């Protein structure tokens, strides 16, 4: 083992023994790792606060590369209080955590950490959680190897786009169009923006409910067609939007 200091977010916590927990932490430096937090379930333990789901902190560990590391101490970076005290925000955050855990089963790409961290910080800062979630859903398709092309016609390459044909996984122009749903132009522009935008730089974003519905319909169908990922939390957040 070696002593290290890392930045991370707790994505999963499992009780271990009478007073401890096994934490699964997505980290900036090492990707997804497992850590034992000894005694953290006791009230006076110094690591109690940083051993909870959605803890965003720096962690000092005795690190074991191919096993379970030991937590020495942790210091909270941002408590994410607005998420933890708001049912709606917590639903979105939980959904994003579960989505990332699905991805991490096959792809332990360290860059996923920054994406999730920035999304959670924006939700905590009261930026529309439904839109931040949609942005994440579009961005992580790259990690799944099914990144959609929102730039030009998949068949002929022209930029004169009519709609996105989910059955073929790409944009189509008027000449290549064959009986498929025609998305609103604003929806297509936002989907392309979501793919390219830096979440950390978003200060404000407003989208009408009809466009939100169309974006969510697109994401659901695209995920069903190309990823095989289904998460129950998605139904909960769609209920929140009443879509």
C-alpha atoms as a PDB file:
ATOM      1  CA  UNK A   1       0.000   0.000   0.000  1.00  0.00           C
ATOM      2  CA  UNK A   2       1.029   3.623  -0.523  1.00  0.00           C
ATOM      3  CA  UNK A   3      -0.327   6.781   1.058  1.00  0.00           C
ATOM      4  CA  UNK A   4      -2.081   9.077  -1.412  1.00  0.00           C
ATOM      5  CA  UNK A   5      -4.446  12.061  -1.423  1.00  0.00           C
ATOM      6  CA  UNK A   6      -7.249  12.091  -3.996  1.00  0.00           C
ATOM      7  CA  UNK A   7     -10.391  14.015  -4.921  1.00  0.00           C
ATOM      8  CA  UNK A   8     -13.566  11.956  -5.246  1.00  0.00           C
ATOM      9  CA  UNK A   9     -17.326  11.462  -5.023  1.00  0.00           C
ATOM     10  CA  UNK A  10     -18.952   8.554  -3.175  1.00  0.00           C
ATOM     11  CA  UNK A  11     -21.212   6.688  -5.613  1.00  0.00           C
ATOM     12  CA  UNK A  12     -22.026   3.716  -3.405  1.00  0.00           C
ATOM     13  CA  UNK A  13     -21.861   2.821   0.294  1.00  0.00           C
ATOM     14  CA  UNK A  14     -22.249  -0.656   1.803  1.00  0.00           C
ATOM     15  CA  UNK A  15     -22.268  -1.440   5.526  1.00  0.00           C
ATOM     16  CA  UNK A  16     -19.357  -3.619   6.572  1.00  0.00           C
ATOM     17  CA  UNK A  17     -19.145  -5.279   9.943  1.00  0.00           C
ATOM     18  CA  UNK A  18     -20.760  -3.513  12.885  1.00  0.00           C
ATOM     19  CA  UNK A  19     -19.388   0.010  12.421  1.00  0.00           C
ATOM     20  CA  UNK A  20     -17.634   0.309   9.039  1.00  0.00           C
ATOM     21  CA  UNK A  21     -18.507   0.824   5.362  1.00  0.00           C
ATOM     22  CA  UNK A  22     -17.121  -0.130   1.984  1.00  0.00           C
ATOM     23  CA  UNK A  23     -17.225   2.963  -0.220  1.00  0.00           C
ATOM     24  CA  UNK A  24     -17.078   2.998  -4.000  1.00  0.00           C
ATOM     25  CA  UNK A  25     -15.564   6.349  -4.918  1.00  0.00           C
ATOM     26  CA  UNK A  26     -15.206   7.859  -8.375  1.00  0.00           C
ATOM     27  CA  UNK A  27     -11.918   9.742  -8.232  1.00  0.00           C
ATOM     28  CA  UNK A  28     -10.193  12.341 -10.333  1.00  0.00           C
ATOM     29  CA  UNK A  29      -6.844  10.577 -10.268  1.00  0.00           C
ATOM     30  CA  UNK A  30      -7.566   6.821 -10.189  1.00  0.00           C
ATOM     31  CA  UNK A  31     -11.030   6.315 -11.640  1.00  0.00           C
ATOM     32  CA  UNK A  32     -13.457   4.082  -9.697  1.00  0.00           C
ATOM     33  CA  UNK A  33     -11.993   2.555  -6.537  1.00  0.00           C
ATOM     34  CA  UNK A  34     -13.145   0.712  -3.408  1.00  0.00           C
ATOM     35  CA  UNK A  35     -12.269   2.022   0.052  1.00  0.00           C
ATOM     36  CA  UNK A  36     -12.969   0.767   3.554  1.00  0.00           C
ATOM     37  CA  UNK A  37     -13.946   3.470   6.021  1.00  0.00           C
ATOM     38  CA  UNK A  38     -13.404   1.880   9.405  1.00  0.00           C
ATOM     39  CA  UNK A  39     -15.724   2.861  12.235  1.00  0.00           C
ATOM     40  CA  UNK A  40     -17.471   5.563  10.196  1.00  0.00           C
ATOM     41  CA  UNK A  41     -20.946   4.510  11.322  1.00  0.00           C
ATOM     42  CA  UNK A  42     -20.226   5.569  14.900  1.00  0.00           C
ATOM     43  CA  UNK A  43     -21.394   9.063  15.808  1.00  0.00           C
ATOM     44  CA  UNK A  44     -18.027  10.490  16.839  1.00  0.00           C
ATOM     45  CA  UNK A  45     -15.948   9.044  13.997  1.00  0.00           C
ATOM     46  CA  UNK A  46     -14.045  11.781  12.133  1.00  0.00           C
ATOM     47  CA  UNK A  47     -14.818  10.191   8.746  1.00  0.00           C
ATOM     48  CA  UNK A  48     -18.569   9.825   9.238  1.00  0.00           C
ATOM     49  CA  UNK A  49     -19.453  12.856   7.090  1.00  0.00           C
ATOM     50  CA  UNK A  50     -17.204  11.957   4.152  1.00  0.00           C
ATOM     51  CA  UNK A  51     -18.410   8.341   4.093  1.00  0.00           C
ATOM     52  CA  UNK A  52     -21.950   9.077   2.903  1.00  0.00           C
ATOM     53  CA  UNK A  53     -23.467   8.761  -0.554  1.00  0.00           C
ATOM     54  CA  UNK A  54     -22.726  11.882  -2.648  1.00  0.00           C
ATOM     55  CA  UNK A  55     -19.864  13.001  -0.414  1.00  0.00           C
ATOM     56  CA  UNK A  56     -17.561  15.203  -2.506  1.00  0.00           C
ATOM     57  CA  UNK A  57     -14.255  15.430  -0.716  1.00  0.00           C
ATOM     58  CA  UNK A  58     -10.507  14.955  -0.686  1.00  0.00           C
ATOM     59  CA  UNK A  59      -9.536  11.559   0.709  1.00  0.00           C
ATOM     60  CA  UNK A  60      -6.224  10.474   2.199  1.00  0.00           C
ATOM     61  CA  UNK A  61      -5.834   6.732   1.740  1.00  0.00           C
ATOM     62  CA  UNK A  62      -3.536   3.821   2.145  1.00  0.00           C
ATOM     63  CA  UNK A  63      -4.051   2.927  -1.501  1.00  0.00           C
ATOM     64  CA  UNK A  64      -4.111  -0.643  -2.795  1.00  0.00           C
ATOM     65  CA  UNK A  65      -4.148  -0.781  -6.583  1.00  0.00           C
ATOM     66  CA  UNK A  66      -5.928  -4.115  -7.054  1.00  0.00           C
ATOM     67  CA  UNK A  67      -7.951  -4.308  -3.880  1.00  0.00           C
ATOM     68  CA  UNK A  68      -9.690  -2.307  -1.177  1.00  0.00           C
ATOM     69  CA  UNK A  69      -7.874   0.773   0.055  1.00  0.00           C
ATOM     70  CA  UNK A  70      -8.075   2.077   3.636  1.00  0.00           C
ATOM     71  CA  UNK A  71      -9.437   5.545   4.395  1.00  0.00           C
ATOM     72  CA  UNK A  72      -7.232   7.567   6.739  1.00  0.00           C
ATOM     73  CA  UNK A  73      -9.144  10.837   6.654  1.00  0.00           C
ATOM     74  CA  UNK A  74     -11.277  13.022   4.422  1.00  0.00           C
ATOM     75  CA  UNK A  75     -12.151  16.690   4.034  1.00  0.00           C
ATOM     76  CA  UNK A  76     -15.358  17.866   2.373  1.00  0.00           C
ATOM     77  CA  UNK A  77     -14.878  20.101  -0.680  1.00  0.00           C
ATOM     78  CA  UNK A  78     -18.553  20.960  -1.211  1.00  0.00           C
ATOM     79  CA  UNK A  79     -21.375  19.528   0.970  1.00  0.00           C
ATOM     80  CA  UNK A  80     -23.976  19.570  -1.862  1.00  0.00           C
ATOM     81  CA  UNK A  81     -26.621  20.609   0.672  1.00  0.00           C
ATOM     82  CA  UNK A  82     -29.116  21.797  -1.943  1.00  0.00           C
ATOM     83  CA  UNK A  83     -29.168  18.333  -3.475  1.00  0.00           C
ATOM     84  CA  UNK A  84     -29.299  16.443  -0.192  1.00  0.00           C
ATOM     85  CA  UNK A  85     -32.218  18.515   1.124  1.00  0.00           C
ATOM     86  CA  UNK A  86     -34.315  18.621  -2.063  1.00  0.00           C
ATOM     87  CA  UNK A  87     -36.268  15.530  -3.166  1.00  0.00           C
ATOM     88  CA  UNK A  88     -36.336  16.525  -6.840  1.00  0.00           C
ATOM     89  CA  UNK A  89     -32.634  17.353  -7.059  1.00  0.00           C
ATOM     90  CA  UNK A  90     -31.768  14.160  -5.184  1.00  0.00           C
ATOM     91  CA  UNK A  91     -33.713  12.097  -7.720  1.00  0.00           C
ATOM     92  CA  UNK A  92     -31.742  13.616 -10.583  1.00  0.00           C
ATOM     93  CA  UNK A  93     -28.425  13.189  -8.750  1.00  0.00           C
ATOM     94  CA  UNK A  94     -29.208   9.555  -7.924  1.00  0.00           C
ATOM     95  CA  UNK A  95     -30.096   8.890 -11.546  1.00  0.00           C
ATOM     96  CA  UNK A  96     -26.786  10.358 -12.738  1.00  0.00           C
ATOM     97  CA  UNK A  97     -24.859   8.308 -10.181  1.00  0.00           C
ATOM     98  CA  UNK A  98     -26.572   5.107 -11.316  1.00  0.00           C
ATOM     99  CA  UNK A  99     -25.959   5.993 -14.969  1.00  0.00           C
ATOM    100  CA  UNK A 100     -22.253   6.497 -14.251  1.00  0.00           C
ATOM    101  CA  UNK A 101     -22.076   3.186 -12.368  1.00  0.00           C
ATOM    102  CA  UNK A 102     -23.502   1.420 -15.422  1.00  0.00           C
ATOM    103  CA  UNK A 103     -20.833   3.002 -17.613  1.00  0.00           C
ATOM    104  CA  UNK A 104     -18.051   2.217 -15.136  1.00  0.00           C
ATOM    105  CA  UNK A 105     -18.763  -1.508 -15.423  1.00  0.00           C
ATOM    106  CA  UNK A 106     -17.203  -1.428 -18.894  1.00  0.00           C
ATOM    107  CA  UNK A 107     -15.284   1.846 -19.018  1.00  0.00           C
ATOM    108  CA  UNK A 108     -13.257   3.159 -16.081  1.00  0.00           C
ATOM    109  CA  UNK A 109     -12.343   6.351 -17.911  1.00  0.00           C
ATOM    110  CA  UNK A 110     -11.054   8.914 -15.395  1.00  0.00           C
ATOM    111  CA  UNK A 111     -12.535  11.804 -17.389  1.00  0.00           C
ATOM    112  CA  UNK A 112     -16.033  10.684 -16.345  1.00  0.00           C
ATOM    113  CA  UNK A 113     -15.250  12.103 -12.907  1.00  0.00           C
ATOM    114  CA  UNK A 114     -15.090  15.722 -14.065  1.00  0.00           C
ATOM    115  CA  UNK A 115     -18.283  15.323 -16.061  1.00  0.00           C
ATOM    116  CA  UNK A 116     -20.238  13.987 -13.077  1.00  0.00           C
ATOM    117  CA  UNK A 117     -18.673  16.461 -10.628  1.00  0.00           C
ATOM    118  CA  UNK A 118     -19.608  19.456 -12.791  1.00  0.00           C
ATOM    119  CA  UNK A 119     -23.150  18.154 -13.315  1.00  0.00           C
ATOM    120  CA  UNK A 120     -23.710  17.697  -9.572  1.00  0.00           C
ATOM    121  CA  UNK A 121     -22.272  21.128  -8.784  1.00  0.00           C
ATOM    122  CA  UNK A 122     -24.621  22.773 -11.305  1.00  0.00           C
ATOM    123  CA  UNK A 123     -27.655  20.930  -9.929  1.00  0.00           C
ATOM    124  CA  UNK A 124     -26.583  22.002  -6.439  1.00  0.00           C
ATOM    125  CA  UNK A 125     -26.315  25.586  -7.749  1.00  0.00           C
ATOM    126  CA  UNK A 126     -29.981  25.432  -8.803  1.00  0.00           C
ATOM    127  CA  UNK A 127     -29.399  25.171 -12.560  1.00  0.00           C
ATOM    128  CA  UNK A 128     -32.346  23.254 -14.081  1.00  0.00           C
ATOM    129  CA  UNK A 129     -31.580  19.629 -13.047  1.00  0.00           C
ATOM    130  CA  UNK A 130     -33.569  18.162 -15.941  1.00  0.00           C
ATOM    131  CA  UNK A 131     -31.419  19.968 -18.511  1.00  0.00           C
ATOM    132  CA  UNK A 132     -28.141  19.177 -16.717  1.00  0.00           C
ATOM    133  CA  UNK A 133     -29.248  15.534 -16.683  1.00  0.00           C
ATOM    134  CA  UNK A 134     -30.034  15.607 -20.408  1.00  0.00           C
ATOM    135  CA  UNK A 135     -26.616  17.109 -21.133  1.00  0.00           C
ATOM    136  CA  UNK A 136     -24.961  14.307 -19.158  1.00  0.00           C
ATOM    137  CA  UNK A 137     -27.058  11.683 -20.943  1.00  0.00           C
ATOM    138  CA  UNK A 138     -25.926  12.966 -24.324  1.00  0.00           C
ATOM    139  CA  UNK A 139     -22.266  13.340 -23.320  1.00  0.00           C
ATOM    140  CA  UNK A 140     -21.852   9.857 -21.817  1.00  0.00           C
ATOM    141  CA  UNK A 141     -22.963   8.227 -25.080  1.00  0.00           C
ATOM    142  CA  UNK A 142     -19.349   8.773 -26.147  1.00  0.00           C
ATOM    143  CA  UNK A 143     -18.186   6.549 -23.264  1.00  0.00           C
ATOM    144  CA  UNK A 144     -20.639   3.888 -24.427  1.00  0.00           C
ATOM    145  CA  UNK A 145     -19.288   3.977 -27.976  1.00  0.00           C
ATOM    146  CA  UNK A 146     -22.538   5.202 -29.531  1.00  0.00           C
ATOM    147  CA  UNK A 147     -21.958   8.943 -29.832  1.00  0.00           C
ATOM    148  CA  UNK A 148     -24.571  10.415 -32.208  1.00  0.00           C
ATOM    149  CA  UNK A 149     -23.590  12.707 -35.084  1.00  0.00           C
ATOM    150  CA  UNK A 150     -25.654  15.895 -34.963  1.00  0.00           C
ATOM    151  CA  UNK A 151     -23.662  17.725 -37.651  1.00  0.00           C
ATOM    152  CA  UNK A 152     -24.489  16.398 -41.114  1.00  0.00           C
ATOM    153  CA  UNK A 153     -26.634  13.942 -43.054  1.00  0.00           C
ATOM    154  CA  UNK A 154     -25.527  10.396 -42.303  1.00  0.00           C
ATOM    155  CA  UNK A 155     -26.337   9.281 -45.850  1.00  0.00           C
ATOM    156  CA  UNK A 156     -25.016  12.033 -48.118  1.00  0.00           C
ATOM    157  CA  UNK A 157     -22.990  14.313 -45.819  1.00  0.00           C
ATOM    158  CA  UNK A 158     -24.847  17.555 -46.491  1.00  0.00           C
ATOM    159  CA  UNK A 159     -25.415  20.094 -43.707  1.00  0.00           C
ATOM    160  CA  UNK A 160     -28.973  20.862 -44.862  1.00  0.00           C
ATOM    161  CA  UNK A 161     -30.576  18.816 -42.079  1.00  0.00           C
ATOM    162  CA  UNK A 162     -34.254  17.944 -41.766  1.00  0.00           C
ATOM    163  CA  UNK A 163     -34.327  15.640 -38.727  1.00  0.00           C
ATOM    164  CA  UNK A 164     -32.568  12.896 -36.788  1.00  0.00           C
ATOM    165  CA  UNK A 165     -33.485   9.372 -37.846  1.00  0.00           C
ATOM    166  CA  UNK A 166     -32.998   7.196 -34.755  1.00  0.00           C
ATOM    167  CA  UNK A 167     -33.438   3.996 -36.777  1.00  0.00           C
ATOM    168  CA  UNK A 168     -30.160   4.699 -38.588  1.00  0.00           C
ATOM    169  CA  UNK A 169     -28.526   6.634 -35.760  1.00  0.00           C
ATOM    170  CA  UNK A 170     -27.916   9.961 -37.487  1.00  0.00           C
ATOM    171  CA  UNK A 171     -29.152  13.132 -39.140  1.00  0.00           C
ATOM    172  CA  UNK A 172     -30.897  13.086 -42.507  1.00  0.00           C
ATOM    173  CA  UNK A 173     -31.517  15.840 -45.046  1.00  0.00           C
ATOM    174  CA  UNK A 174     -34.685  16.466 -47.046  1.00  0.00           C
ATOM    175  CA  UNK A 175     -33.431  14.380 -49.961  1.00  0.00           C
ATOM    176  CA  UNK A 176     -32.514  11.364 -47.803  1.00  0.00           C
ATOM    177  CA  UNK A 177     -35.538  11.564 -45.513  1.00  0.00           C
ATOM    178  CA  UNK A 178     -37.752   8.489 -45.292  1.00  0.00           C
ATOM    179  CA  UNK A 179     -40.894   8.386 -43.185  1.00  0.00           C
ATOM    180  CA  UNK A 180     -39.551   9.122 -39.685  1.00  0.00           C
ATOM    181  CA  UNK A 181     -40.392  11.558 -36.909  1.00  0.00           C
ATOM    182  CA  UNK A 182     -39.366  15.149 -37.629  1.00  0.00           C
ATOM    183  CA  UNK A 183     -37.850  16.778 -34.548  1.00  0.00           C
ATOM    184  CA  UNK A 184     -38.198  20.515 -34.052  1.00  0.00           C
ATOM    185  CA  UNK A 185     -35.211  22.517 -35.235  1.00  0.00           C
ATOM    186  CA  UNK A 186     -34.656  23.925 -31.736  1.00  0.00           C
ATOM    187  CA  UNK A 187     -34.535  20.399 -30.295  1.00  0.00           C
ATOM    188  CA  UNK A 188     -31.828  19.368 -32.752  1.00  0.00           C
ATOM    189  CA  UNK A 189     -29.814  22.516 -32.051  1.00  0.00           C
ATOM    190  CA  UNK A 190     -29.993  21.904 -28.307  1.00  0.00           C
ATOM    191  CA  UNK A 191     -28.970  18.249 -28.662  1.00  0.00           C
ATOM    192  CA  UNK A 192     -25.902  19.346 -30.626  1.00  0.00           C
ATOM    193  CA  UNK A 193     -25.188  22.030 -28.020  1.00  0.00           C
ATOM    194  CA  UNK A 194     -25.523  19.488 -25.196  1.00  0.00           C
ATOM    195  CA  UNK A 195     -22.889  17.314 -26.859  1.00  0.00           C
ATOM    196  CA  UNK A 196     -20.411  20.190 -27.127  1.00  0.00           C
ATOM    197  CA  UNK A 197     -21.025  22.436 -24.099  1.00  0.00           C
ATOM    198  CA  UNK A 198     -18.685  22.552 -21.092  1.00  0.00           C
ATOM    199  CA  UNK A 199     -21.007  21.939 -18.136  1.00  0.00           C
ATOM    200  CA  UNK A 200     -18.738  23.859 -15.774  1.00  0.00           C
ATOM    201  CA  UNK A 201     -19.361  27.055 -17.776  1.00  0.00           C
ATOM    202  CA  UNK A 202     -23.169  26.926 -17.691  1.00  0.00           C
ATOM    203  CA  UNK A 203     -24.641  29.754 -15.610  1.00  0.00           C
ATOM    204  CA  UNK A 204     -28.228  29.735 -16.861  1.00  0.00           C
ATOM    205  CA  UNK A 205     -30.284  27.682 -19.283  1.00  0.00           C
ATOM    206  CA  UNK A 206     -34.019  27.792 -19.986  1.00  0.00           C
ATOM    207  CA  UNK A 207     -35.913  25.321 -22.163  1.00  0.00           C
ATOM    208  CA  UNK A 208     -39.673  25.195 -22.728  1.00  0.00           C
ATOM    209  CA  UNK A 209     -41.611  22.133 -21.561  1.00  0.00           C
ATOM    210  CA  UNK A 210     -42.550  20.969 -25.120  1.00  0.00           C
ATOM    211  CA  UNK A 211     -38.870  21.025 -26.127  1.00  0.00           C
ATOM    212  CA  UNK A 212     -37.912  19.257 -22.896  1.00  0.00           C
ATOM    213  CA  UNK A 213     -40.432  16.553 -23.720  1.00  0.00           C
ATOM    214  CA  UNK A 214     -39.052  16.093 -27.218  1.00  0.00           C
ATOM    215  CA  UNK A 215     -35.469  15.965 -25.930  1.00  0.00           C
ATOM    216  CA  UNK A 216     -36.440  13.325 -23.374  1.00  0.00           C
ATOM    217  CA  UNK A 217     -38.321  11.322 -26.002  1.00  0.00           C
ATOM    218  CA  UNK A 218     -35.210  11.389 -28.199  1.00  0.00           C
ATOM    219  CA  UNK A 219     -32.906  10.319 -25.361  1.00  0.00           C
ATOM    220  CA  UNK A 220     -35.196   7.491 -24.238  1.00  0.00           C
ATOM    221  CA  UNK A 221     -35.540   6.056 -27.742  1.00  0.00           C
ATOM    222  CA  UNK A 222     -31.838   6.451 -28.520  1.00  0.00           C
ATOM    223  CA  UNK A 223     -30.824   4.749 -25.266  1.00  0.00           C
ATOM    224  CA  UNK A 224     -33.338   1.939 -25.822  1.00  0.00           C
ATOM    225  CA  UNK A 225     -32.076   1.406 -29.371  1.00  0.00           C
ATOM    226  CA  UNK A 226     -28.311   1.653 -28.879  1.00  0.00           C
ATOM    227  CA  UNK A 227     -27.301   1.193 -25.226  1.00  0.00           C
ATOM    228  CA  UNK A 228     -29.510  -1.395 -23.547  1.00  0.00           C
ATOM    229  CA  UNK A 229     -29.365   0.727 -20.377  1.00  0.00           C
ATOM    230  CA  UNK A 230     -32.570   1.078 -18.388  1.00  0.00           C
ATOM    231  CA  UNK A 231     -32.676   2.812 -15.016  1.00  0.00           C
ATOM    232  CA  UNK A 232     -35.784   2.990 -12.830  1.00  0.00           C
ATOM    233  CA  UNK A 233     -34.808   6.460 -11.633  1.00  0.00           C
ATOM    234  CA  UNK A 234     -35.523   7.777 -15.129  1.00  0.00           C
ATOM    235  CA  UNK A 235     -39.217   7.048 -14.649  1.00  0.00           C
ATOM    236  CA  UNK A 236     -39.183   9.047 -11.406  1.00  0.00           C
ATOM    237  CA  UNK A 237     -37.648  12.133 -12.956  1.00  0.00           C
ATOM    238  CA  UNK A 238     -39.988  11.978 -15.944  1.00  0.00           C
ATOM    239  CA  UNK A 239     -42.852  11.946 -13.445  1.00  0.00           C
ATOM    240  CA  UNK A 240     -41.402  15.128 -11.922  1.00  0.00           C
ATOM    241  CA  UNK A 241     -41.487  16.782 -15.350  1.00  0.00           C
ATOM    242  CA  UNK A 242     -44.965  15.343 -15.977  1.00  0.00           C
ATOM    243  CA  UNK A 243     -43.852  14.095 -19.377  1.00  0.00           C
END
